[in-house]
Amino acid sequence: MTRVRLATSVVAAVLLLGPTSLAQADKKAERAWKSKCASCHGAAGKGDTDKGKELKIVDMSTPAFQAKKDDELKKAILEGASHPFKSELTPEQVDALVAYIRTFKK
């Protein structure tokens, strides 16, 4: 069901915003990931950074992690284990980060 909603959202975004706007949204999510998340989670979400290893961060590319519901990922982003981002991210940014995390599938 989650994949269907994600696919529907992507199709709707392309239809409403056009492919250029979708690409810009993806670039914004990638920049947000790099600036706020990658130092601990790594570029590909594997938790393979020094800080990620220290904090024992899970590999986000595994099937078990990818099976989590979007709401679980949103909560984790907003509440953060080592740094909560509730006051730093808009709901749209959180949604974009969840979609970006979904690209880490193995």
PDB file of N, CA and C in Angstrom:
ATOM      1  N   MET A   1       0.813  -1.193   0.000  1.00  0.00           N
ATOM      2  CA  MET A   1       0.000   0.000   0.000  1.00  0.00           C
ATOM      3  C   MET A   1       0.856   1.256   0.000  1.00  0.00           C
ATOM      4  N   THR A   2       1.947   1.245   0.757  1.00  0.00           N
ATOM      5  CA  THR A   2       2.820   2.407   0.834  1.00  0.00           C
ATOM      6  C   THR A   2       3.422   2.714  -0.533  1.00  0.00           C
ATOM      7  N   ARG A   3       3.842   1.682  -1.253  1.00  0.00           N
ATOM      8  CA  ARG A   3       4.425   1.887  -2.578  1.00  0.00           C
ATOM      9  C   ARG A   3       3.403   2.498  -3.527  1.00  0.00           C
ATOM     10  N   VAL A   4       2.169   2.069  -3.405  1.00  0.00           N
ATOM     11  CA  VAL A   4       1.110   2.617  -4.250  1.00  0.00           C
ATOM     12  C   VAL A   4       0.924   4.098  -3.958  1.00  0.00           C
ATOM     13  N   ARG A   5       0.894   4.459  -2.662  1.00  0.00           N
ATOM     14  CA  ARG A   5       0.741   5.876  -2.310  1.00  0.00           C
ATOM     15  C   ARG A   5       1.925   6.682  -2.800  1.00  0.00           C
ATOM     16  N   LEU A   6       3.141   6.163  -2.646  1.00  0.00           N
ATOM     17  CA  LEU A   6       4.327   6.868  -3.094  1.00  0.00           C
ATOM     18  C   LEU A   6       4.297   7.042  -4.607  1.00  0.00           C
ATOM     19  N   ALA A   7       3.966   5.989  -5.326  1.00  0.00           N
ATOM     20  CA  ALA A   7       3.895   6.069  -6.783  1.00  0.00           C
ATOM     21  C   ALA A   7       2.822   7.057  -7.212  1.00  0.00           C
ATOM     22  N   THR A   8       1.686   7.031  -6.542  1.00  0.00           N
ATOM     23  CA  THR A   8       0.611   7.967  -6.850  1.00  0.00           C
ATOM     24  C   THR A   8       1.054   9.391  -6.598  1.00  0.00           C
ATOM     25  N   SER A   9       1.776   9.618  -5.504  1.00  0.00           N
ATOM     26  CA  SER A   9       2.272  10.957  -5.189  1.00  0.00           C
ATOM     27  C   SER A   9       3.248  11.444  -6.244  1.00  0.00           C
ATOM     28  N   VAL A  10       4.116  10.559  -6.691  1.00  0.00           N
ATOM     29  CA  VAL A  10       5.087  10.935  -7.714  1.00  0.00           C
ATOM     30  C   VAL A  10       4.375  11.273  -9.016  1.00  0.00           C
ATOM     31  N   VAL A  11       3.435  10.443  -9.419  1.00  0.00           N
ATOM     32  CA  VAL A  11       2.682  10.701 -10.649  1.00  0.00           C
ATOM     33  C   VAL A  11       1.920  12.024 -10.529  1.00  0.00           C
ATOM     34  N   ALA A  12       1.284  12.246  -9.399  1.00  0.00           N
ATOM     35  CA  ALA A  12       0.543  13.493  -9.197  1.00  0.00           C
ATOM     36  C   ALA A  12       1.481  14.688  -9.261  1.00  0.00           C
ATOM     37  N   ALA A  13       2.648  14.565  -8.662  1.00  0.00           N
ATOM     38  CA  ALA A  13       3.606  15.671  -8.684  1.00  0.00           C
ATOM     39  C   ALA A  13       4.056  15.971 -10.108  1.00  0.00           C
ATOM     40  N   VAL A  14       4.311  14.927 -10.883  1.00  0.00           N
ATOM     41  CA  VAL A  14       4.724  15.137 -12.269  1.00  0.00           C
ATOM     42  C   VAL A  14       3.616  15.816 -13.056  1.00  0.00           C
ATOM     43  N   LEU A  15       2.379  15.369 -12.858  1.00  0.00           N
ATOM     44  CA  LEU A  15       1.256  15.954 -13.581  1.00  0.00           C
ATOM     45  C   LEU A  15       0.993  17.388 -13.160  1.00  0.00           C
ATOM     46  N   LEU A  16       1.081  17.655 -11.868  1.00  0.00           N
ATOM     47  CA  LEU A  16       0.788  19.000 -11.366  1.00  0.00           C
ATOM     48  C   LEU A  16       1.952  19.969 -11.522  1.00  0.00           C
ATOM     49  N   LEU A  17       3.138  19.492 -11.250  1.00  0.00           N
ATOM     50  CA  LEU A  17       4.295  20.373 -11.216  1.00  0.00           C
ATOM     51  C   LEU A  17       5.180  20.272 -12.447  1.00  0.00           C
ATOM     52  N   GLY A  18       5.086  19.161 -13.131  1.00  0.00           N
ATOM     53  CA  GLY A  18       5.964  18.932 -14.265  1.00  0.00           C
ATOM     54  C   GLY A  18       7.238  18.253 -13.800  1.00  0.00           C
ATOM     55  N   PRO A  19       7.927  17.587 -14.714  1.00  0.00           N
ATOM     56  CA  PRO A  19       9.118  16.839 -14.346  1.00  0.00           C
ATOM     57  C   PRO A  19      10.241  17.726 -13.809  1.00  0.00           C
ATOM     58  N   THR A  20      10.349  18.959 -14.276  1.00  0.00           N
ATOM     59  CA  THR A  20      11.415  19.854 -13.801  1.00  0.00           C
ATOM     60  C   THR A  20      11.233  20.166 -12.331  1.00  0.00           C
ATOM     61  N   SER A  21      10.007  20.453 -11.908  1.00  0.00           N
ATOM     62  CA  SER A  21       9.747  20.752 -10.503  1.00  0.00           C
ATOM     63  C   SER A  21      10.011  19.544  -9.630  1.00  0.00           C
ATOM     64  N   LEU A  22       9.681  18.358 -10.124  1.00  0.00           N
ATOM     65  CA  LEU A  22       9.940  17.132  -9.372  1.00  0.00           C
ATOM     66  C   LEU A  22      11.441  16.928  -9.207  1.00  0.00           C
ATOM     67  N   ALA A  23      12.200  17.171 -10.260  1.00  0.00           N
ATOM     68  CA  ALA A  23      13.659  17.049 -10.184  1.00  0.00           C
ATOM     69  C   ALA A  23      14.218  18.050  -9.182  1.00  0.00           C
ATOM     70  N   GLN A  24      13.666  19.262  -9.154  1.00  0.00           N
ATOM     71  CA  GLN A  24      14.118  20.266  -8.191  1.00  0.00           C
ATOM     72  C   GLN A  24      13.796  19.820  -6.763  1.00  0.00           C
ATOM     73  N   ALA A  25      12.619  19.232  -6.570  1.00  0.00           N
ATOM     74  CA  ALA A  25      12.237  18.738  -5.242  1.00  0.00           C
ATOM     75  C   ALA A  25      13.193  17.632  -4.811  1.00  0.00           C
ATOM     76  N   ASP A  26      13.560  16.747  -5.746  1.00  0.00           N
ATOM     77  CA  ASP A  26      14.510  15.678  -5.445  1.00  0.00           C
ATOM     78  C   ASP A  26      15.862  16.257  -5.066  1.00  0.00           C
ATOM     79  N   LYS A  27      16.307  17.287  -5.759  1.00  0.00           N
ATOM     80  CA  LYS A  27      17.597  17.923  -5.456  1.00  0.00           C
ATOM     81  C   LYS A  27      17.552  18.582  -4.082  1.00  0.00           C
ATOM     82  N   LYS A  28      16.417  19.176  -3.741  1.00  0.00           N
ATOM     83  CA  LYS A  28      16.270  19.790  -2.414  1.00  0.00           C
ATOM     84  C   LYS A  28      16.343  18.721  -1.327  1.00  0.00           C
ATOM     85  N   ALA A  29      15.690  17.594  -1.558  1.00  0.00           N
ATOM     86  CA  ALA A  29      15.730  16.497  -0.578  1.00  0.00           C
ATOM     87  C   ALA A  29      17.158  15.975  -0.444  1.00  0.00           C
ATOM     88  N   GLU A  30      17.848  15.855  -1.562  1.00  0.00           N
ATOM     89  CA  GLU A  30      19.228  15.384  -1.525  1.00  0.00           C
ATOM     90  C   GLU A  30      20.107  16.368  -0.744  1.00  0.00           C
ATOM     91  N   ARG A  31      19.923  17.665  -0.974  1.00  0.00           N
ATOM     92  CA  ARG A  31      20.696  18.675  -0.229  1.00  0.00           C
ATOM     93  C   ARG A  31      20.369  18.622   1.257  1.00  0.00           C
ATOM     94  N   ALA A  32      19.094  18.457   1.591  1.00  0.00           N
ATOM     95  CA  ALA A  32      18.704  18.358   3.002  1.00  0.00           C
ATOM     96  C   ALA A  32      19.340  17.125   3.632  1.00  0.00           C
ATOM     97  N   TRP A  33      19.331  16.005   2.902  1.00  0.00           N
ATOM     98  CA  TRP A  33      19.945  14.774   3.403  1.00  0.00           C
ATOM     99  C   TRP A  33      21.430  15.018   3.689  1.00  0.00           C
ATOM    100  N   LYS A  34      22.115  15.604   2.717  1.00  0.00           N
ATOM    101  CA  LYS A  34      23.551  15.835   2.860  1.00  0.00           C
ATOM    102  C   LYS A  34      23.859  16.773   4.028  1.00  0.00           C
ATOM    103  N   SER A  35      23.030  17.796   4.211  1.00  0.00           N
ATOM    104  CA  SER A  35      23.334  18.787   5.247  1.00  0.00           C
ATOM    105  C   SER A  35      22.873  18.358   6.642  1.00  0.00           C
ATOM    106  N   LYS A  36      21.826  17.563   6.740  1.00  0.00           N
ATOM    107  CA  LYS A  36      21.258  17.252   8.052  1.00  0.00           C
ATOM    108  C   LYS A  36      21.409  15.787   8.477  1.00  0.00           C
ATOM    109  N   CYS A  37      21.573  14.886   7.526  1.00  0.00           N
ATOM    110  CA  CYS A  37      21.485  13.460   7.848  1.00  0.00           C
ATOM    111  C   CYS A  37      22.751  12.655   7.556  1.00  0.00           C
ATOM    112  N   ALA A  38      23.433  12.996   6.471  1.00  0.00           N
ATOM    113  CA  ALA A  38      24.525  12.159   5.978  1.00  0.00           C
ATOM    114  C   ALA A  38      25.706  12.055   6.934  1.00  0.00           C
ATOM    115  N   SER A  39      25.920  13.035   7.780  1.00  0.00           N
ATOM    116  CA  SER A  39      27.075  12.957   8.683  1.00  0.00           C
ATOM    117  C   SER A  39      26.978  11.757   9.621  1.00  0.00           C
ATOM    118  N   CYS A  40      25.791  11.333   9.948  1.00  0.00           N
ATOM    119  CA  CYS A  40      25.604  10.141  10.787  1.00  0.00           C
ATOM    120  C   CYS A  40      25.168   8.933   9.952  1.00  0.00           C
ATOM    121  N   HIS A  41      24.216   9.134   9.054  1.00  0.00           N
ATOM    122  CA  HIS A  41      23.621   8.034   8.306  1.00  0.00           C
ATOM    123  C   HIS A  41      24.407   7.633   7.070  1.00  0.00           C
ATOM    124  N   GLY A  42      25.325   8.495   6.618  1.00  0.00           N
ATOM    125  CA  GLY A  42      26.086   8.215   5.412  1.00  0.00           C
ATOM    126  C   GLY A  42      25.341   8.634   4.168  1.00  0.00           C
ATOM    127  N   ALA A  43      26.075   8.764   3.073  1.00  0.00           N
ATOM    128  CA  ALA A  43      25.489   9.223   1.815  1.00  0.00           C
ATOM    129  C   ALA A  43      24.388   8.303   1.304  1.00  0.00           C
ATOM    130  N   ALA A  44      24.533   7.009   1.543  1.00  0.00           N
ATOM    131  CA  ALA A  44      23.560   6.028   1.048  1.00  0.00           C
ATOM    132  C   ALA A  44      22.705   5.425   2.164  1.00  0.00           C
ATOM    133  N   GLY A  45      22.695   6.077   3.341  1.00  0.00           N
ATOM    134  CA  GLY A  45      21.832   5.617   4.425  1.00  0.00           C
ATOM    135  C   GLY A  45      22.283   4.350   5.119  1.00  0.00           C
ATOM    136  N   LYS A  46      23.531   3.963   4.969  1.00  0.00           N
ATOM    137  CA  LYS A  46      24.017   2.710   5.538  1.00  0.00           C
ATOM    138  C   LYS A  46      24.524   2.843   6.970  1.00  0.00           C
ATOM    139  N   GLY A  47      24.617   4.071   7.485  1.00  0.00           N
ATOM    140  CA  GLY A  47      25.108   4.268   8.842  1.00  0.00           C
ATOM    141  C   GLY A  47      26.586   3.955   8.970  1.00  0.00           C
ATOM    142  N   ASP A  48      27.300   4.047   7.850  1.00  0.00           N
ATOM    143  CA  ASP A  48      28.696   3.626   7.811  1.00  0.00           C
ATOM    144  C   ASP A  48      29.714   4.737   8.089  1.00  0.00           C
ATOM    145  N   THR A  49      29.261   5.844   8.640  1.00  0.00           N
ATOM    146  CA  THR A  49      30.182   6.907   9.022  1.00  0.00           C
ATOM    147  C   THR A  49      30.727   6.611  10.418  1.00  0.00           C
ATOM    148  N   ASP A  50      31.777   7.331  10.809  1.00  0.00           N
ATOM    149  CA  ASP A  50      32.318   7.140  12.159  1.00  0.00           C
ATOM    150  C   ASP A  50      31.234   7.391  13.207  1.00  0.00           C
ATOM    151  N   LYS A  51      30.489   8.488  13.031  1.00  0.00           N
ATOM    152  CA  LYS A  51      29.416   8.820  13.972  1.00  0.00           C
ATOM    153  C   LYS A  51      28.305   7.773  13.911  1.00  0.00           C
ATOM    154  N   GLY A  52      27.972   7.325  12.715  1.00  0.00           N
ATOM    155  CA  GLY A  52      26.949   6.297  12.560  1.00  0.00           C
ATOM    156  C   GLY A  52      27.320   5.001  13.251  1.00  0.00           C
ATOM    157  N   LYS A  53      28.584   4.618  13.138  1.00  0.00           N
ATOM    158  CA  LYS A  53      29.052   3.400  13.805  1.00  0.00           C
ATOM    159  C   LYS A  53      29.024   3.580  15.314  1.00  0.00           C
ATOM    160  N   GLU A  54      29.426   4.768  15.765  1.00  0.00           N
ATOM    161  CA  GLU A  54      29.410   5.055  17.204  1.00  0.00           C
ATOM    162  C   GLU A  54      27.996   4.966  17.772  1.00  0.00           C
ATOM    163  N   LEU A  55      27.026   5.490  17.016  1.00  0.00           N
ATOM    164  CA  LEU A  55      25.629   5.498  17.459  1.00  0.00           C
ATOM    165  C   LEU A  55      24.893   4.201  17.108  1.00  0.00           C
ATOM    166  N   LYS A  56      25.584   3.290  16.401  1.00  0.00           N
ATOM    167  CA  LYS A  56      24.985   2.019  15.971  1.00  0.00           C
ATOM    168  C   LYS A  56      23.735   2.244  15.118  1.00  0.00           C
ATOM    169  N   ILE A  57      23.861   3.144  14.160  1.00  0.00           N
ATOM    170  CA  ILE A  57      22.751   3.475  13.266  1.00  0.00           C
ATOM    171  C   ILE A  57      22.522   2.323  12.290  1.00  0.00           C
ATOM    172  N   VAL A  58      21.269   1.999  12.081  1.00  0.00           N
ATOM    173  CA  VAL A  58      20.911   0.882  11.199  1.00  0.00           C
ATOM    174  C   VAL A  58      21.090   1.256   9.730  1.00  0.00           C
ATOM    175  N   ASP A  59      21.261   0.247   8.919  1.00  0.00           N
ATOM    176  CA  ASP A  59      21.381   0.396   7.476  1.00  0.00           C
ATOM    177  C   ASP A  59      19.979   0.592   6.898  1.00  0.00           C
ATOM    178  N   MET A  60      19.736   1.776   6.358  1.00  0.00           N
ATOM    179  CA  MET A  60      18.414   2.102   5.821  1.00  0.00           C
ATOM    180  C   MET A  60      18.121   1.437   4.479  1.00  0.00           C
ATOM    181  N   SER A  61      19.126   0.794   3.893  1.00  0.00           N
ATOM    182  CA  SER A  61      18.902   0.168   2.592  1.00  0.00           C
ATOM    183  C   SER A  61      18.401  -1.273   2.703  1.00  0.00           C
ATOM    184  N   THR A  62      18.361  -1.810   3.904  1.00  0.00           N
ATOM    185  CA  THR A  62      17.940  -3.202   4.066  1.00  0.00           C
ATOM    186  C   THR A  62      16.434  -3.368   3.854  1.00  0.00           C
ATOM    187  N   PRO A  63      16.024  -4.528   3.404  1.00  0.00           N
ATOM    188  CA  PRO A  63      14.585  -4.772   3.241  1.00  0.00           C
ATOM    189  C   PRO A  63      13.803  -4.571   4.549  1.00  0.00           C
ATOM    190  N   ALA A  64      14.393  -4.961   5.664  1.00  0.00           N
ATOM    191  CA  ALA A  64      13.698  -4.808   6.948  1.00  0.00           C
ATOM    192  C   ALA A  64      13.435  -3.336   7.255  1.00  0.00           C
ATOM    193  N   PHE A  65      14.418  -2.495   7.017  1.00  0.00           N
ATOM    194  CA  PHE A  65      14.221  -1.067   7.272  1.00  0.00           C
ATOM    195  C   PHE A  65      13.233  -0.491   6.266  1.00  0.00           C
ATOM    196  N   GLN A  66      13.381  -0.840   5.011  1.00  0.00           N
ATOM    197  CA  GLN A  66      12.503  -0.304   3.970  1.00  0.00           C
ATOM    198  C   GLN A  66      11.052  -0.754   4.155  1.00  0.00           C
ATOM    199  N   ALA A  67      10.823  -1.797   4.924  1.00  0.00           N
ATOM    200  CA  ALA A  67       9.458  -2.267   5.190  1.00  0.00           C
ATOM    201  C   ALA A  67       8.718  -1.360   6.173  1.00  0.00           C
ATOM    202  N   LYS A  68       9.451  -0.491   6.836  1.00  0.00           N
ATOM    203  CA  LYS A  68       8.803   0.425   7.788  1.00  0.00           C
ATOM    204  C   LYS A  68       7.821   1.329   7.058  1.00  0.00           C
ATOM    205  N   LYS A  69       6.787   1.713   7.766  1.00  0.00           N
ATOM    206  CA  LYS A  69       5.773   2.600   7.200  1.00  0.00           C
ATOM    207  C   LYS A  69       6.306   4.030   7.156  1.00  0.00           C
ATOM    208  N   ASP A  70       5.775   4.810   6.232  1.00  0.00           N
ATOM    209  CA  ASP A  70       6.193   6.200   6.099  1.00  0.00           C
ATOM    210  C   ASP A  70       6.036   6.970   7.402  1.00  0.00           C
ATOM    211  N   ASP A  71       4.944   6.713   8.113  1.00  0.00           N
ATOM    212  CA  ASP A  71       4.717   7.421   9.382  1.00  0.00           C
ATOM    213  C   ASP A  71       5.817   7.128  10.399  1.00  0.00           C
ATOM    214  N   GLU A  72       6.337   5.900  10.384  1.00  0.00           N
ATOM    215  CA  GLU A  72       7.442   5.553  11.283  1.00  0.00           C
ATOM    216  C   GLU A  72       8.704   6.343  10.920  1.00  0.00           C
ATOM    217  N   LEU A  73       8.955   6.471   9.627  1.00  0.00           N
ATOM    218  CA  LEU A  73      10.123   7.225   9.184  1.00  0.00           C
ATOM    219  C   LEU A  73       9.975   8.706   9.511  1.00  0.00           C
ATOM    220  N   LYS A  74       8.783   9.236   9.310  1.00  0.00           N
ATOM    221  CA  LYS A  74       8.543  10.649   9.635  1.00  0.00           C
ATOM    222  C   LYS A  74       8.780  10.909  11.117  1.00  0.00           C
ATOM    223  N   LYS A  75       8.275  10.028  11.947  1.00  0.00           N
ATOM    224  CA  LYS A  75       8.459  10.177  13.394  1.00  0.00           C
ATOM    225  C   LYS A  75       9.942  10.134  13.748  1.00  0.00           C
ATOM    226  N   ALA A  76      10.671   9.207  13.134  1.00  0.00           N
ATOM    227  CA  ALA A  76      12.104   9.086  13.408  1.00  0.00           C
ATOM    228  C   ALA A  76      12.850  10.345  12.971  1.00  0.00           C
ATOM    229  N   ILE A  77      12.477  10.911  11.846  1.00  0.00           N
ATOM    230  CA  ILE A  77      13.114  12.136  11.372  1.00  0.00           C
ATOM    231  C   ILE A  77      12.821  13.284  12.326  1.00  0.00           C
ATOM    232  N   LEU A  78      11.569  13.429  12.696  1.00  0.00           N
ATOM    233  CA  LEU A  78      11.172  14.560  13.533  1.00  0.00           C
ATOM    234  C   LEU A  78      11.703  14.460  14.960  1.00  0.00           C
ATOM    235  N   GLU A  79      11.739  13.247  15.492  1.00  0.00           N
ATOM    236  CA  GLU A  79      12.168  13.078  16.883  1.00  0.00           C
ATOM    237  C   GLU A  79      13.659  12.784  16.994  1.00  0.00           C
ATOM    238  N   GLY A  80      14.241  12.202  15.964  1.00  0.00           N
ATOM    239  CA  GLY A  80      15.668  11.915  15.913  1.00  0.00           C
ATOM    240  C   GLY A  80      16.247  11.303  17.168  1.00  0.00           C
ATOM    241  N   ALA A  81      17.075  10.297  17.004  1.00  0.00           N
ATOM    242  CA  ALA A  81      17.702   9.640  18.155  1.00  0.00           C
ATOM    243  C   ALA A  81      18.759  10.528  18.793  1.00  0.00           C
ATOM    244  N   SER A  82      19.545  11.204  17.965  1.00  0.00           N
ATOM    245  CA  SER A  82      20.594  12.056  18.526  1.00  0.00           C
ATOM    246  C   SER A  82      20.309  13.533  18.317  1.00  0.00           C
ATOM    247  N   HIS A  83      19.403  13.842  17.383  1.00  0.00           N
ATOM    248  CA  HIS A  83      19.061  15.238  17.125  1.00  0.00           C
ATOM    249  C   HIS A  83      17.659  15.323  16.539  1.00  0.00           C
ATOM    250  N   PRO A  84      16.708  15.874  17.274  1.00  0.00           N
ATOM    251  CA  PRO A  84      15.356  16.030  16.718  1.00  0.00           C
ATOM    252  C   PRO A  84      15.304  17.182  15.710  1.00  0.00           C
ATOM    253  N   PHE A  85      14.604  16.968  14.620  1.00  0.00           N
ATOM    254  CA  PHE A  85      14.508  17.975  13.568  1.00  0.00           C
ATOM    255  C   PHE A  85      13.123  18.622  13.492  1.00  0.00           C
ATOM    256  N   LYS A  86      12.303  18.403  14.515  1.00  0.00           N
ATOM    257  CA  LYS A  86      10.928  18.899  14.500  1.00  0.00           C
ATOM    258  C   LYS A  86      10.857  20.397  14.195  1.00  0.00           C
ATOM    259  N   SER A  87      11.738  21.180  14.791  1.00  0.00           N
ATOM    260  CA  SER A  87      11.689  22.632  14.607  1.00  0.00           C
ATOM    261  C   SER A  87      12.478  23.100  13.386  1.00  0.00           C
ATOM    262  N   GLU A  88      13.168  22.186  12.702  1.00  0.00           N
ATOM    263  CA  GLU A  88      14.031  22.577  11.585  1.00  0.00           C
ATOM    264  C   GLU A  88      13.482  22.225  10.209  1.00  0.00           C
ATOM    265  N   LEU A  89      12.503  21.329  10.151  1.00  0.00           N
ATOM    266  CA  LEU A  89      12.003  20.850   8.863  1.00  0.00           C
ATOM    267  C   LEU A  89      10.514  21.098   8.714  1.00  0.00           C
ATOM    268  N   THR A  90      10.120  21.478   7.518  1.00  0.00           N
ATOM    269  CA  THR A  90       8.699  21.621   7.207  1.00  0.00           C
ATOM    270  C   THR A  90       8.124  20.237   6.928  1.00  0.00           C
ATOM    271  N   PRO A  91       6.808  20.090   6.998  1.00  0.00           N
ATOM    272  CA  PRO A  91       6.211  18.790   6.638  1.00  0.00           C
ATOM    273  C   PRO A  91       6.584  18.347   5.223  1.00  0.00           C
ATOM    274  N   GLU A  92       6.698  19.293   4.301  1.00  0.00           N
ATOM    275  CA  GLU A  92       7.070  18.965   2.925  1.00  0.00           C
ATOM    276  C   GLU A  92       8.503  18.424   2.859  1.00  0.00           C
ATOM    277  N   GLN A  93       9.401  19.010   3.659  1.00  0.00           N
ATOM    278  CA  GLN A  93      10.771  18.520   3.693  1.00  0.00           C
ATOM    279  C   GLN A  93      10.840  17.107   4.278  1.00  0.00           C
ATOM    280  N   VAL A  94      10.048  16.857   5.294  1.00  0.00           N
ATOM    281  CA  VAL A  94      10.017  15.522   5.901  1.00  0.00           C
ATOM    282  C   VAL A  94       9.510  14.508   4.878  1.00  0.00           C
ATOM    283  N   ASP A  95       8.440  14.851   4.170  1.00  0.00           N
ATOM    284  CA  ASP A  95       7.920  13.950   3.132  1.00  0.00           C
ATOM    285  C   ASP A  95       8.976  13.685   2.057  1.00  0.00           C
ATOM    286  N   ALA A  96       9.696  14.730   1.664  1.00  0.00           N
ATOM    287  CA  ALA A  96      10.735  14.587   0.643  1.00  0.00           C
ATOM    288  C   ALA A  96      11.873  13.700   1.150  1.00  0.00           C
ATOM    289  N   LEU A  97      12.227  13.833   2.418  1.00  0.00           N
ATOM    290  CA  LEU A  97      13.275  12.991   2.989  1.00  0.00           C
ATOM    291  C   LEU A  97      12.838  11.527   3.054  1.00  0.00           C
ATOM    292  N   VAL A  98      11.578  11.298   3.383  1.00  0.00           N
ATOM    293  CA  VAL A  98      11.070   9.919   3.393  1.00  0.00           C
ATOM    294  C   VAL A  98      11.177   9.333   1.983  1.00  0.00           C
ATOM    295  N   ALA A  99      10.769  10.090   0.984  1.00  0.00           N
ATOM    296  CA  ALA A  99      10.869   9.616  -0.403  1.00  0.00           C
ATOM    297  C   ALA A  99      12.334   9.371  -0.779  1.00  0.00           C
ATOM    298  N   TYR A 100      13.228  10.237  -0.308  1.00  0.00           N
ATOM    299  CA  TYR A 100      14.656  10.074  -0.588  1.00  0.00           C
ATOM    300  C   TYR A 100      15.196   8.807   0.078  1.00  0.00           C
ATOM    301  N   ILE A 101      14.794   8.563   1.310  1.00  0.00           N
ATOM    302  CA  ILE A 101      15.213   7.346   2.017  1.00  0.00           C
ATOM    303  C   ILE A 101      14.745   6.105   1.254  1.00  0.00           C
ATOM    304  N   ARG A 102      13.598   6.168   0.628  1.00  0.00           N
ATOM    305  CA  ARG A 102      13.082   5.029  -0.145  1.00  0.00           C
ATOM    306  C   ARG A 102      13.984   4.697  -1.333  1.00  0.00           C
ATOM    307  N   THR A 103      14.810   5.648  -1.761  1.00  0.00           N
ATOM    308  CA  THR A 103      15.722   5.367  -2.883  1.00  0.00           C
ATOM    309  C   THR A 103      16.916   4.533  -2.464  1.00  0.00           C
ATOM    310  N   PHE A 104      17.075   4.279  -1.162  1.00  0.00           N
ATOM    311  CA  PHE A 104      18.203   3.504  -0.656  1.00  0.00           C
ATOM    312  C   PHE A 104      17.995   2.000  -0.751  1.00  0.00           C
ATOM    313  N   LYS A 105      16.876   1.549  -1.268  1.00  0.00           N
ATOM    314  CA  LYS A 105      16.571   0.112  -1.322  1.00  0.00           C
ATOM    315  C   LYS A 105      17.689  -0.646  -2.012  1.00  0.00           C
ATOM    316  N   LYS A 106      18.006  -1.819  -1.468  1.00  0.00           N
ATOM    317  CA  LYS A 106      19.023  -2.696  -2.086  1.00  0.00           C
ATOM    318  C   LYS A 106      18.448  -3.416  -3.281  1.00  0.00           C
TER     319      LYS A 106
END
